[in-house]
Amino acid sequence: MGRFQKHIFICINERKSGDKRGCCASKGSLDLLDQIKGRVHALGLKGTVRVNKAGCLDACAQGPTMVVYPDDIWYAPRTREDMEEILTEHIQNDQPVDRLIIPFKKQPNNFNG
């Protein structure tokens, strides 16, 4: 097992207003980042769960976006309640929150090496 049991990356990327891709920062990702960092610390999870800022995660239209590794689960939390549900259900109880998962189409593996 790696250094952390869960590693959470939250996009805080900023774009100019009017950019058609959208911007996680303008959708409240900084507040959500602060919330989950505080909650991870308050719950005594700091040594096993790491929360990091991320630049663009290339899922701007669904933003704000976050990803949990090693699970490779991508979320689009909109509210503080969504973040609390992710923290409680997924981070603490290993049960992904289906209603908040970003559905990506699986890409074929073209690696031939």
PDB file of N, CA and C in Angstrom:
ATOM      1  N   MET A   1       0.855  -1.186   0.000  1.00  0.00           N
ATOM      2  CA  MET A   1       0.000   0.000   0.000  1.00  0.00           C
ATOM      3  C   MET A   1       0.889   1.233   0.000  1.00  0.00           C
ATOM      4  N   GLY A   2       0.451   2.242  -0.718  1.00  0.00           N
ATOM      5  CA  GLY A   2       1.200   3.483  -0.801  1.00  0.00           C
ATOM      6  C   GLY A   2       1.145   4.263   0.503  1.00  0.00           C
ATOM      7  N   ARG A   3       1.647   5.445   0.438  1.00  0.00           N
ATOM      8  CA  ARG A   3       1.718   6.288   1.622  1.00  0.00           C
ATOM      9  C   ARG A   3       0.339   6.657   2.159  1.00  0.00           C
ATOM     10  N   PHE A   4      -0.622   6.880   1.249  1.00  0.00           N
ATOM     11  CA  PHE A   4      -1.979   7.239   1.651  1.00  0.00           C
ATOM     12  C   PHE A   4      -2.952   6.167   1.174  1.00  0.00           C
ATOM     13  N   GLN A   5      -4.002   5.939   1.936  1.00  0.00           N
ATOM     14  CA  GLN A   5      -5.034   5.001   1.498  1.00  0.00           C
ATOM     15  C   GLN A   5      -5.892   5.618   0.405  1.00  0.00           C
ATOM     16  N   LYS A   6      -6.148   6.902   0.505  1.00  0.00           N
ATOM     17  CA  LYS A   6      -6.917   7.635  -0.501  1.00  0.00           C
ATOM     18  C   LYS A   6      -6.199   8.955  -0.780  1.00  0.00           C
ATOM     19  N   HIS A   7      -6.215   9.335  -2.043  1.00  0.00           N
ATOM     20  CA  HIS A   7      -5.616  10.602  -2.463  1.00  0.00           C
ATOM     21  C   HIS A   7      -6.675  11.321  -3.284  1.00  0.00           C
ATOM     22  N   ILE A   8      -7.070  12.503  -2.831  1.00  0.00           N
ATOM     23  CA  ILE A   8      -8.148  13.274  -3.445  1.00  0.00           C
ATOM     24  C   ILE A   8      -7.558  14.487  -4.142  1.00  0.00           C
ATOM     25  N   PHE A   9      -7.872  14.646  -5.414  1.00  0.00           N
ATOM     26  CA  PHE A   9      -7.450  15.821  -6.183  1.00  0.00           C
ATOM     27  C   PHE A   9      -8.690  16.608  -6.578  1.00  0.00           C
ATOM     28  N   ILE A  10      -8.696  17.898  -6.260  1.00  0.00           N
ATOM     29  CA  ILE A  10      -9.829  18.768  -6.573  1.00  0.00           C
ATOM     30  C   ILE A  10      -9.359  19.876  -7.500  1.00  0.00           C
ATOM     31  N   CYS A  11     -10.017  19.986  -8.649  1.00  0.00           N
ATOM     32  CA  CYS A  11      -9.647  21.013  -9.623  1.00  0.00           C
ATOM     33  C   CYS A  11      -9.999  22.396  -9.094  1.00  0.00           C
ATOM     34  N   ILE A  12      -9.027  23.287  -9.148  1.00  0.00           N
ATOM     35  CA  ILE A  12      -9.274  24.686  -8.799  1.00  0.00           C
ATOM     36  C   ILE A  12      -8.883  25.590  -9.964  1.00  0.00           C
ATOM     37  N   ASN A  13      -8.849  25.005 -11.157  1.00  0.00           N
ATOM     38  CA  ASN A  13      -8.445  25.743 -12.344  1.00  0.00           C
ATOM     39  C   ASN A  13      -9.359  26.940 -12.588  1.00  0.00           C
ATOM     40  N   GLU A  14      -8.755  28.045 -13.032  1.00  0.00           N
ATOM     41  CA  GLU A  14      -9.504  29.259 -13.365  1.00  0.00           C
ATOM     42  C   GLU A  14      -9.326  29.578 -14.837  1.00  0.00           C
ATOM     43  N   ARG A  15     -10.432  29.923 -15.472  1.00  0.00           N
ATOM     44  CA  ARG A  15     -10.405  30.370 -16.859  1.00  0.00           C
ATOM     45  C   ARG A  15     -11.075  31.727 -16.943  1.00  0.00           C
ATOM     46  N   LYS A  16     -10.837  32.407 -18.037  1.00  0.00           N
ATOM     47  CA  LYS A  16     -11.489  33.696 -18.259  1.00  0.00           C
ATOM     48  C   LYS A  16     -12.989  33.494 -18.353  1.00  0.00           C
ATOM     49  N   SER A  17     -13.738  34.465 -17.856  1.00  0.00           N
ATOM     50  CA  SER A  17     -15.193  34.360 -17.953  1.00  0.00           C
ATOM     51  C   SER A  17     -15.581  34.295 -19.422  1.00  0.00           C
ATOM     52  N   GLY A  18     -16.577  33.520 -19.715  1.00  0.00           N
ATOM     53  CA  GLY A  18     -17.014  33.359 -21.085  1.00  0.00           C
ATOM     54  C   GLY A  18     -16.389  32.184 -21.803  1.00  0.00           C
ATOM     55  N   ASP A  19     -15.377  31.550 -21.202  1.00  0.00           N
ATOM     56  CA  ASP A  19     -14.780  30.372 -21.835  1.00  0.00           C
ATOM     57  C   ASP A  19     -15.832  29.274 -21.877  1.00  0.00           C
ATOM     58  N   LYS A  20     -16.077  28.723 -23.047  1.00  0.00           N
ATOM     59  CA  LYS A  20     -17.161  27.751 -23.212  1.00  0.00           C
ATOM     60  C   LYS A  20     -16.944  26.450 -22.441  1.00  0.00           C
ATOM     61  N   ARG A  21     -15.700  26.160 -22.046  1.00  0.00           N
ATOM     62  CA  ARG A  21     -15.428  24.932 -21.283  1.00  0.00           C
ATOM     63  C   ARG A  21     -15.854  25.045 -19.830  1.00  0.00           C
ATOM     64  N   GLY A  22     -16.026  26.250 -19.359  1.00  0.00           N
ATOM     65  CA  GLY A  22     -16.349  26.441 -17.956  1.00  0.00           C
ATOM     66  C   GLY A  22     -15.103  26.480 -17.094  1.00  0.00           C
ATOM     67  N   CYS A  23     -15.306  26.579 -15.812  1.00  0.00           N
ATOM     68  CA  CYS A  23     -14.196  26.773 -14.885  1.00  0.00           C
ATOM     69  C   CYS A  23     -14.597  26.270 -13.502  1.00  0.00           C
ATOM     70  N   CYS A  24     -13.844  25.319 -12.979  1.00  0.00           N
ATOM     71  CA  CYS A  24     -14.179  24.751 -11.673  1.00  0.00           C
ATOM     72  C   CYS A  24     -14.118  25.788 -10.554  1.00  0.00           C
ATOM     73  N   ALA A  25     -13.141  26.679 -10.619  1.00  0.00           N
ATOM     74  CA  ALA A  25     -13.017  27.691  -9.563  1.00  0.00           C
ATOM     75  C   ALA A  25     -14.259  28.571  -9.488  1.00  0.00           C
ATOM     76  N   SER A  26     -14.801  28.945 -10.639  1.00  0.00           N
ATOM     77  CA  SER A  26     -15.991  29.802 -10.635  1.00  0.00           C
ATOM     78  C   SER A  26     -17.238  29.042 -10.195  1.00  0.00           C
ATOM     79  N   LYS A  27     -17.146  27.720 -10.142  1.00  0.00           N
ATOM     80  CA  LYS A  27     -18.276  26.892  -9.703  1.00  0.00           C
ATOM     81  C   LYS A  27     -18.143  26.481  -8.236  1.00  0.00           C
ATOM     82  N   GLY A  28     -17.198  27.081  -7.519  1.00  0.00           N
ATOM     83  CA  GLY A  28     -17.100  26.850  -6.081  1.00  0.00           C
ATOM     84  C   GLY A  28     -16.116  25.809  -5.614  1.00  0.00           C
ATOM     85  N   SER A  29     -15.188  25.402  -6.477  1.00  0.00           N
ATOM     86  CA  SER A  29     -14.277  24.320  -6.075  1.00  0.00           C
ATOM     87  C   SER A  29     -13.342  24.710  -4.930  1.00  0.00           C
ATOM     88  N   LEU A  30     -12.981  25.978  -4.818  1.00  0.00           N
ATOM     89  CA  LEU A  30     -12.096  26.387  -3.718  1.00  0.00           C
ATOM     90  C   LEU A  30     -12.773  26.209  -2.364  1.00  0.00           C
ATOM     91  N   ASP A  31     -14.055  26.547  -2.280  1.00  0.00           N
ATOM     92  CA  ASP A  31     -14.796  26.346  -1.027  1.00  0.00           C
ATOM     93  C   ASP A  31     -14.915  24.870  -0.701  1.00  0.00           C
ATOM     94  N   LEU A  32     -15.165  24.047  -1.726  1.00  0.00           N
ATOM     95  CA  LEU A  32     -15.277  22.608  -1.505  1.00  0.00           C
ATOM     96  C   LEU A  32     -13.942  22.014  -1.068  1.00  0.00           C
ATOM     97  N   LEU A  33     -12.856  22.506  -1.651  1.00  0.00           N
ATOM     98  CA  LEU A  33     -11.517  22.074  -1.255  1.00  0.00           C
ATOM     99  C   LEU A  33     -11.272  22.395   0.215  1.00  0.00           C
ATOM    100  N   ASP A  34     -11.542  23.624   0.616  1.00  0.00           N
ATOM    101  CA  ASP A  34     -11.347  24.024   2.014  1.00  0.00           C
ATOM    102  C   ASP A  34     -12.189  23.168   2.955  1.00  0.00           C
ATOM    103  N   GLN A  35     -13.428  22.901   2.549  1.00  0.00           N
ATOM    104  CA  GLN A  35     -14.314  22.103   3.390  1.00  0.00           C
ATOM    105  C   GLN A  35     -13.761  20.705   3.612  1.00  0.00           C
ATOM    106  N   ILE A  36     -13.406  20.021   2.536  1.00  0.00           N
ATOM    107  CA  ILE A  36     -12.986  18.624   2.701  1.00  0.00           C
ATOM    108  C   ILE A  36     -11.624  18.532   3.398  1.00  0.00           C
ATOM    109  N   LYS A  37     -10.752  19.507   3.164  1.00  0.00           N
ATOM    110  CA  LYS A  37      -9.475  19.511   3.898  1.00  0.00           C
ATOM    111  C   LYS A  37      -9.725  19.637   5.394  1.00  0.00           C
ATOM    112  N   GLY A  38     -10.611  20.547   5.758  1.00  0.00           N
ATOM    113  CA  GLY A  38     -10.933  20.733   7.173  1.00  0.00           C
ATOM    114  C   GLY A  38     -11.568  19.512   7.792  1.00  0.00           C
ATOM    115  N   ARG A  39     -12.465  18.889   7.062  1.00  0.00           N
ATOM    116  CA  ARG A  39     -13.151  17.695   7.572  1.00  0.00           C
ATOM    117  C   ARG A  39     -12.193  16.510   7.699  1.00  0.00           C
ATOM    118  N   VAL A  40     -11.301  16.327   6.727  1.00  0.00           N
ATOM    119  CA  VAL A  40     -10.310  15.243   6.808  1.00  0.00           C
ATOM    120  C   VAL A  40      -9.464  15.425   8.066  1.00  0.00           C
ATOM    121  N   HIS A  41      -9.057  16.650   8.321  1.00  0.00           N
ATOM    122  CA  HIS A  41      -8.257  16.935   9.515  1.00  0.00           C
ATOM    123  C   HIS A  41      -9.083  16.692  10.790  1.00  0.00           C
ATOM    124  N   ALA A  42     -10.321  17.202  10.817  1.00  0.00           N
ATOM    125  CA  ALA A  42     -11.168  17.076  12.001  1.00  0.00           C
ATOM    126  C   ALA A  42     -11.486  15.616  12.337  1.00  0.00           C
ATOM    127  N   LEU A  43     -11.582  14.782  11.313  1.00  0.00           N
ATOM    128  CA  LEU A  43     -11.902  13.373  11.521  1.00  0.00           C
ATOM    129  C   LEU A  43     -10.670  12.507  11.819  1.00  0.00           C
ATOM    130  N   GLY A  44      -9.502  13.135  11.889  1.00  0.00           N
ATOM    131  CA  GLY A  44      -8.280  12.399  12.199  1.00  0.00           C
ATOM    132  C   GLY A  44      -7.785  11.526  11.058  1.00  0.00           C
ATOM    133  N   LEU A  45      -8.140  11.893   9.830  1.00  0.00           N
ATOM    134  CA  LEU A  45      -7.753  11.103   8.659  1.00  0.00           C
ATOM    135  C   LEU A  45      -6.505  11.627   7.963  1.00  0.00           C
ATOM    136  N   LYS A  46      -5.898  12.665   8.531  1.00  0.00           N
ATOM    137  CA  LYS A  46      -4.808  13.351   7.845  1.00  0.00           C
ATOM    138  C   LYS A  46      -3.652  12.451   7.427  1.00  0.00           C
ATOM    139  N   GLY A  47      -3.306  11.437   8.143  1.00  0.00           N
ATOM    140  CA  GLY A  47      -2.192  10.571   7.774  1.00  0.00           C
ATOM    141  C   GLY A  47      -2.525   9.524   6.725  1.00  0.00           C
ATOM    142  N   THR A  48      -3.810   9.241   6.548  1.00  0.00           N
ATOM    143  CA  THR A  48      -4.216   8.202   5.608  1.00  0.00           C
ATOM    144  C   THR A  48      -4.919   8.744   4.370  1.00  0.00           C
ATOM    145  N   VAL A  49      -5.436   9.961   4.453  1.00  0.00           N
ATOM    146  CA  VAL A  49      -6.122  10.593   3.326  1.00  0.00           C
ATOM    147  C   VAL A  49      -5.421  11.907   3.016  1.00  0.00           C
ATOM    148  N   ARG A  50      -5.075  12.093   1.752  1.00  0.00           N
ATOM    149  CA  ARG A  50      -4.404  13.319   1.317  1.00  0.00           C
ATOM    150  C   ARG A  50      -5.327  14.062   0.365  1.00  0.00           C
ATOM    151  N   VAL A  51      -5.496  15.358   0.605  1.00  0.00           N
ATOM    152  CA  VAL A  51      -6.304  16.215  -0.257  1.00  0.00           C
ATOM    153  C   VAL A  51      -5.372  17.224  -0.910  1.00  0.00           C
ATOM    154  N   ASN A  52      -5.421  17.289  -2.244  1.00  0.00           N
ATOM    155  CA  ASN A  52      -4.573  18.214  -2.991  1.00  0.00           C
ATOM    156  C   ASN A  52      -5.374  19.056  -3.965  1.00  0.00           C
ATOM    157  N   LYS A  53      -4.873  20.271  -4.185  1.00  0.00           N
ATOM    158  CA  LYS A  53      -5.370  21.104  -5.276  1.00  0.00           C
ATOM    159  C   LYS A  53      -4.880  20.488  -6.579  1.00  0.00           C
ATOM    160  N   ALA A  54      -5.662  20.656  -7.613  1.00  0.00           N
ATOM    161  CA  ALA A  54      -5.236  20.205  -8.934  1.00  0.00           C
ATOM    162  C   ALA A  54      -5.512  21.305  -9.937  1.00  0.00           C
ATOM    163  N   GLY A  55      -4.680  21.328 -10.961  1.00  0.00           N
ATOM    164  CA  GLY A  55      -4.989  22.168 -12.105  1.00  0.00           C
ATOM    165  C   GLY A  55      -6.103  21.492 -12.878  1.00  0.00           C
ATOM    166  N   CYS A  56      -6.249  21.856 -14.119  1.00  0.00           N
ATOM    167  CA  CYS A  56      -7.335  21.325 -14.931  1.00  0.00           C
ATOM    168  C   CYS A  56      -7.296  19.798 -14.987  1.00  0.00           C
ATOM    169  N   LEU A  57      -8.427  19.184 -14.675  1.00  0.00           N
ATOM    170  CA  LEU A  57      -8.577  17.734 -14.767  1.00  0.00           C
ATOM    171  C   LEU A  57      -9.262  17.337 -16.078  1.00  0.00           C
ATOM    172  N   ASP A  58      -9.480  18.311 -16.943  1.00  0.00           N
ATOM    173  CA  ASP A  58     -10.039  18.097 -18.276  1.00  0.00           C
ATOM    174  C   ASP A  58     -11.446  17.499 -18.244  1.00  0.00           C
ATOM    175  N   ALA A  59     -12.225  17.932 -17.268  1.00  0.00           N
ATOM    176  CA  ALA A  59     -13.634  17.555 -17.187  1.00  0.00           C
ATOM    177  C   ALA A  59     -14.442  18.801 -16.823  1.00  0.00           C
ATOM    178  N   CYS A  60     -14.062  19.905 -17.458  1.00  0.00           N
ATOM    179  CA  CYS A  60     -14.558  21.233 -17.098  1.00  0.00           C
ATOM    180  C   CYS A  60     -16.082  21.369 -17.147  1.00  0.00           C
ATOM    181  N   ALA A  61     -16.700  20.788 -18.143  1.00  0.00           N
ATOM    182  CA  ALA A  61     -18.147  20.930 -18.304  1.00  0.00           C
ATOM    183  C   ALA A  61     -18.917  20.318 -17.141  1.00  0.00           C
ATOM    184  N   GLN A  62     -18.329  19.335 -16.465  1.00  0.00           N
ATOM    185  CA  GLN A  62     -18.996  18.696 -15.342  1.00  0.00           C
ATOM    186  C   GLN A  62     -18.676  19.350 -14.009  1.00  0.00           C
ATOM    187  N   GLY A  63     -17.800  20.331 -14.004  1.00  0.00           N
ATOM    188  CA  GLY A  63     -17.235  20.897 -12.792  1.00  0.00           C
ATOM    189  C   GLY A  63     -18.234  21.424 -11.792  1.00  0.00           C
ATOM    190  N   PRO A  64     -17.767  21.598 -10.561  1.00  0.00           N
ATOM    191  CA  PRO A  64     -16.409  21.315 -10.126  1.00  0.00           C
ATOM    192  C   PRO A  64     -16.123  19.810 -10.120  1.00  0.00           C
ATOM    193  N   THR A  65     -14.875  19.475 -10.422  1.00  0.00           N
ATOM    194  CA  THR A  65     -14.517  18.067 -10.524  1.00  0.00           C
ATOM    195  C   THR A  65     -13.441  17.681  -9.518  1.00  0.00           C
ATOM    196  N   MET A  66     -13.494  16.407  -9.163  1.00  0.00           N
ATOM    197  CA  MET A  66     -12.484  15.841  -8.271  1.00  0.00           C
ATOM    198  C   MET A  66     -12.313  14.374  -8.628  1.00  0.00           C
ATOM    199  N   VAL A  67     -11.162  13.828  -8.258  1.00  0.00           N
ATOM    200  CA  VAL A  67     -10.894  12.405  -8.495  1.00  0.00           C
ATOM    201  C   VAL A  67     -10.285  11.815  -7.231  1.00  0.00           C
ATOM    202  N   VAL A  68     -10.678  10.578  -6.938  1.00  0.00           N
ATOM    203  CA  VAL A  68     -10.170   9.860  -5.770  1.00  0.00           C
ATOM    204  C   VAL A  68      -9.333   8.691  -6.268  1.00  0.00           C
ATOM    205  N   TYR A  69      -8.060   8.677  -5.857  1.00  0.00           N
ATOM    206  CA  TYR A  69      -7.169   7.566  -6.175  1.00  0.00           C
ATOM    207  C   TYR A  69      -6.836   6.819  -4.903  1.00  0.00           C
ATOM    208  N   PRO A  70      -6.566   5.530  -4.959  1.00  0.00           N
ATOM    209  CA  PRO A  70      -6.295   4.728  -6.145  1.00  0.00           C
ATOM    210  C   PRO A  70      -7.552   4.205  -6.827  1.00  0.00           C
ATOM    211  N   ASP A  71      -8.724   4.641  -6.378  1.00  0.00           N
ATOM    212  CA  ASP A  71      -9.986   4.101  -6.869  1.00  0.00           C
ATOM    213  C   ASP A  71     -10.342   4.542  -8.291  1.00  0.00           C
ATOM    214  N   ASP A  72      -9.727   5.634  -8.758  1.00  0.00           N
ATOM    215  CA  ASP A  72     -10.020   6.189 -10.082  1.00  0.00           C
ATOM    216  C   ASP A  72     -11.514   6.483 -10.228  1.00  0.00           C
ATOM    217  N   ILE A  73     -12.071   7.107  -9.195  1.00  0.00           N
ATOM    218  CA  ILE A  73     -13.474   7.524  -9.207  1.00  0.00           C
ATOM    219  C   ILE A  73     -13.497   9.037  -9.352  1.00  0.00           C
ATOM    220  N   TRP A  74     -14.208   9.497 -10.375  1.00  0.00           N
ATOM    221  CA  TRP A  74     -14.320  10.918 -10.691  1.00  0.00           C
ATOM    222  C   TRP A  74     -15.692  11.425 -10.270  1.00  0.00           C
ATOM    223  N   TYR A  75     -15.692  12.557  -9.550  1.00  0.00           N
ATOM    224  CA  TYR A  75     -16.931  13.122  -9.024  1.00  0.00           C
ATOM    225  C   TYR A  75     -17.148  14.556  -9.519  1.00  0.00           C
ATOM    226  N   ALA A  76     -18.420  14.949  -9.482  1.00  0.00           N
ATOM    227  CA  ALA A  76     -18.818  16.326  -9.749  1.00  0.00           C
ATOM    228  C   ALA A  76     -19.676  16.816  -8.579  1.00  0.00           C
ATOM    229  N   PRO A  77     -19.035  17.103  -7.436  1.00  0.00           N
ATOM    230  CA  PRO A  77     -19.800  17.588  -6.283  1.00  0.00           C
ATOM    231  C   PRO A  77     -20.214  19.039  -6.497  1.00  0.00           C
ATOM    232  N   ARG A  78     -21.446  19.361  -6.188  1.00  0.00           N
ATOM    233  CA  ARG A  78     -21.945  20.728  -6.376  1.00  0.00           C
ATOM    234  C   ARG A  78     -22.068  21.506  -5.065  1.00  0.00           C
ATOM    235  N   THR A  79     -22.268  20.765  -3.983  1.00  0.00           N
ATOM    236  CA  THR A  79     -22.559  21.417  -2.701  1.00  0.00           C
ATOM    237  C   THR A  79     -21.679  20.850  -1.591  1.00  0.00           C
ATOM    238  N   ARG A  80     -21.709  21.532  -0.470  1.00  0.00           N
ATOM    239  CA  ARG A  80     -20.998  21.049   0.719  1.00  0.00           C
ATOM    240  C   ARG A  80     -21.587  19.705   1.170  1.00  0.00           C
ATOM    241  N   GLU A  81     -22.878  19.534   0.989  1.00  0.00           N
ATOM    242  CA  GLU A  81     -23.531  18.276   1.348  1.00  0.00           C
ATOM    243  C   GLU A  81     -23.024  17.140   0.461  1.00  0.00           C
ATOM    244  N   ASP A  82     -22.822  17.430  -0.832  1.00  0.00           N
ATOM    245  CA  ASP A  82     -22.245  16.425  -1.734  1.00  0.00           C
ATOM    246  C   ASP A  82     -20.858  16.005  -1.255  1.00  0.00           C
ATOM    247  N   MET A  83     -20.041  16.972  -0.876  1.00  0.00           N
ATOM    248  CA  MET A  83     -18.690  16.667  -0.406  1.00  0.00           C
ATOM    249  C   MET A  83     -18.730  15.843   0.877  1.00  0.00           C
ATOM    250  N   GLU A  84     -19.638  16.174   1.760  1.00  0.00           N
ATOM    251  CA  GLU A  84     -19.767  15.423   3.012  1.00  0.00           C
ATOM    252  C   GLU A  84     -20.187  13.985   2.719  1.00  0.00           C
ATOM    253  N   GLU A  85     -21.085  13.800   1.751  1.00  0.00           N
ATOM    254  CA  GLU A  85     -21.516  12.453   1.385  1.00  0.00           C
ATOM    255  C   GLU A  85     -20.351  11.648   0.793  1.00  0.00           C
ATOM    256  N   ILE A  86     -19.552  12.279  -0.058  1.00  0.00           N
ATOM    257  CA  ILE A  86     -18.378  11.607  -0.626  1.00  0.00           C
ATOM    258  C   ILE A  86     -17.407  11.217   0.487  1.00  0.00           C
ATOM    259  N   LEU A  87     -17.175  12.136   1.398  1.00  0.00           N
ATOM    260  CA  LEU A  87     -16.248  11.873   2.502  1.00  0.00           C
ATOM    261  C   LEU A  87     -16.748  10.720   3.373  1.00  0.00           C
ATOM    262  N   THR A  88     -18.009  10.750   3.727  1.00  0.00           N
ATOM    263  CA  THR A  88     -18.570   9.716   4.602  1.00  0.00           C
ATOM    264  C   THR A  88     -18.670   8.364   3.894  1.00  0.00           C
ATOM    265  N   GLU A  89     -19.307   8.367   2.736  1.00  0.00           N
ATOM    266  CA  GLU A  89     -19.589   7.103   2.063  1.00  0.00           C
ATOM    267  C   GLU A  89     -18.360   6.507   1.371  1.00  0.00           C
ATOM    268  N   HIS A  90     -17.668   7.320   0.571  1.00  0.00           N
ATOM    269  CA  HIS A  90     -16.552   6.775  -0.210  1.00  0.00           C
ATOM    270  C   HIS A  90     -15.250   6.731   0.590  1.00  0.00           C
ATOM    271  N   ILE A  91     -14.856   7.859   1.126  1.00  0.00           N
ATOM    272  CA  ILE A  91     -13.550   7.929   1.786  1.00  0.00           C
ATOM    273  C   ILE A  91     -13.518   7.088   3.058  1.00  0.00           C
ATOM    274  N   GLN A  92     -14.549   7.175   3.875  1.00  0.00           N
ATOM    275  CA  GLN A  92     -14.548   6.436   5.133  1.00  0.00           C
ATOM    276  C   GLN A  92     -15.091   5.012   5.006  1.00  0.00           C
ATOM    277  N   ASN A  93     -16.079   4.797   4.119  1.00  0.00           N
ATOM    278  CA  ASN A  93     -16.748   3.493   4.057  1.00  0.00           C
ATOM    279  C   ASN A  93     -16.520   2.741   2.749  1.00  0.00           C
ATOM    280  N   ASP A  94     -15.666   3.243   1.881  1.00  0.00           N
ATOM    281  CA  ASP A  94     -15.344   2.588   0.611  1.00  0.00           C
ATOM    282  C   ASP A  94     -16.559   2.266  -0.257  1.00  0.00           C
ATOM    283  N   GLN A  95     -17.570   3.131  -0.205  1.00  0.00           N
ATOM    284  CA  GLN A  95     -18.768   2.964  -1.019  1.00  0.00           C
ATOM    285  C   GLN A  95     -18.918   4.195  -1.916  1.00  0.00           C
ATOM    286  N   PRO A  96     -18.505   4.123  -3.191  1.00  0.00           N
ATOM    287  CA  PRO A  96     -18.632   5.277  -4.079  1.00  0.00           C
ATOM    288  C   PRO A  96     -20.069   5.808  -4.116  1.00  0.00           C
ATOM    289  N   VAL A  97     -20.186   7.101  -4.302  1.00  0.00           N
ATOM    290  CA  VAL A  97     -21.485   7.770  -4.354  1.00  0.00           C
ATOM    291  C   VAL A  97     -21.902   7.862  -5.817  1.00  0.00           C
ATOM    292  N   ASP A  98     -22.672   6.876  -6.258  1.00  0.00           N
ATOM    293  CA  ASP A  98     -23.014   6.733  -7.673  1.00  0.00           C
ATOM    294  C   ASP A  98     -23.629   7.988  -8.280  1.00  0.00           C
ATOM    295  N   ARG A  99     -24.500   8.659  -7.558  1.00  0.00           N
ATOM    296  CA  ARG A  99     -25.214   9.799  -8.134  1.00  0.00           C
ATOM    297  C   ARG A  99     -24.287  10.983  -8.461  1.00  0.00           C
ATOM    298  N   LEU A 100     -23.087  10.994  -7.884  1.00  0.00           N
ATOM    299  CA  LEU A 100     -22.146  12.096  -8.116  1.00  0.00           C
ATOM    300  C   LEU A 100     -20.988  11.727  -9.037  1.00  0.00           C
ATOM    301  N   ILE A 101     -20.936  10.473  -9.473  1.00  0.00           N
ATOM    302  CA  ILE A 101     -19.846  10.025 -10.344  1.00  0.00           C
ATOM    303  C   ILE A 101     -20.034  10.582 -11.746  1.00  0.00           C
ATOM    304  N   ILE A 102     -18.934  11.058 -12.321  1.00  0.00           N
ATOM    305  CA  ILE A 102     -18.943  11.526 -13.710  1.00  0.00           C
ATOM    306  C   ILE A 102     -18.823  10.296 -14.604  1.00  0.00           C
ATOM    307  N   PRO A 103     -19.806  10.057 -15.451  1.00  0.00           N
ATOM    308  CA  PRO A 103     -19.732   8.884 -16.332  1.00  0.00           C
ATOM    309  C   PRO A 103     -18.877   9.175 -17.565  1.00  0.00           C
ATOM    310  N   PHE A 104     -17.719   8.575 -17.633  1.00  0.00           N
ATOM    311  CA  PHE A 104     -16.841   8.726 -18.793  1.00  0.00           C
ATOM    312  C   PHE A 104     -16.976   7.491 -19.664  1.00  0.00           C
ATOM    313  N   LYS A 105     -16.913   7.682 -20.945  1.00  0.00           N
ATOM    314  CA  LYS A 105     -16.882   6.547 -21.856  1.00  0.00           C
ATOM    315  C   LYS A 105     -15.511   5.903 -21.758  1.00  0.00           C
ATOM    316  N   LYS A 106     -15.484   4.588 -21.712  1.00  0.00           N
ATOM    317  CA  LYS A 106     -14.214   3.866 -21.664  1.00  0.00           C
ATOM    318  C   LYS A 106     -13.525   3.990 -23.015  1.00  0.00           C
ATOM    319  N   GLN A 107     -12.248   4.308 -22.978  1.00  0.00           N
ATOM    320  CA  GLN A 107     -11.441   4.418 -24.180  1.00  0.00           C
ATOM    321  C   GLN A 107     -10.753   3.087 -24.434  1.00  0.00           C
ATOM    322  N   PRO A 108     -10.664   2.679 -25.691  1.00  0.00           N
ATOM    323  CA  PRO A 108      -9.960   1.425 -25.969  1.00  0.00           C
ATOM    324  C   PRO A 108      -8.488   1.549 -25.608  1.00  0.00           C
ATOM    325  N   ASN A 109      -7.920   0.454 -25.155  1.00  0.00           N
ATOM    326  CA  ASN A 109      -6.504   0.428 -24.817  1.00  0.00           C
ATOM    327  C   ASN A 109      -5.734   0.150 -26.110  1.00  0.00           C
ATOM    328  N   ASN A 110      -5.043   1.165 -26.609  1.00  0.00           N
ATOM    329  CA  ASN A 110      -4.295   1.039 -27.861  1.00  0.00           C
ATOM    330  C   ASN A 110      -2.818   0.791 -27.632  1.00  0.00           C
ATOM    331  N   PHE A 111      -2.472   0.441 -26.410  1.00  0.00           N
ATOM    332  CA  PHE A 111      -1.069   0.212 -26.099  1.00  0.00           C
ATOM    333  C   PHE A 111      -0.657  -1.133 -26.654  1.00  0.00           C
ATOM    334  N   ASN A 112       0.355  -1.124 -27.463  1.00  0.00           N
ATOM    335  CA  ASN A 112       0.820  -2.359 -28.102  1.00  0.00           C
ATOM    336  C   ASN A 112       2.196  -2.788 -27.616  1.00  0.00           C
ATOM    337  N   GLY A 113       2.686  -2.179 -26.551  1.00  0.00           N
ATOM    338  CA  GLY A 113       4.041  -2.448 -26.107  1.00  0.00           C
ATOM    339  C   GLY A 113       4.125  -3.448 -25.053  1.00  0.00           C
TER     340      GLY A 113
END
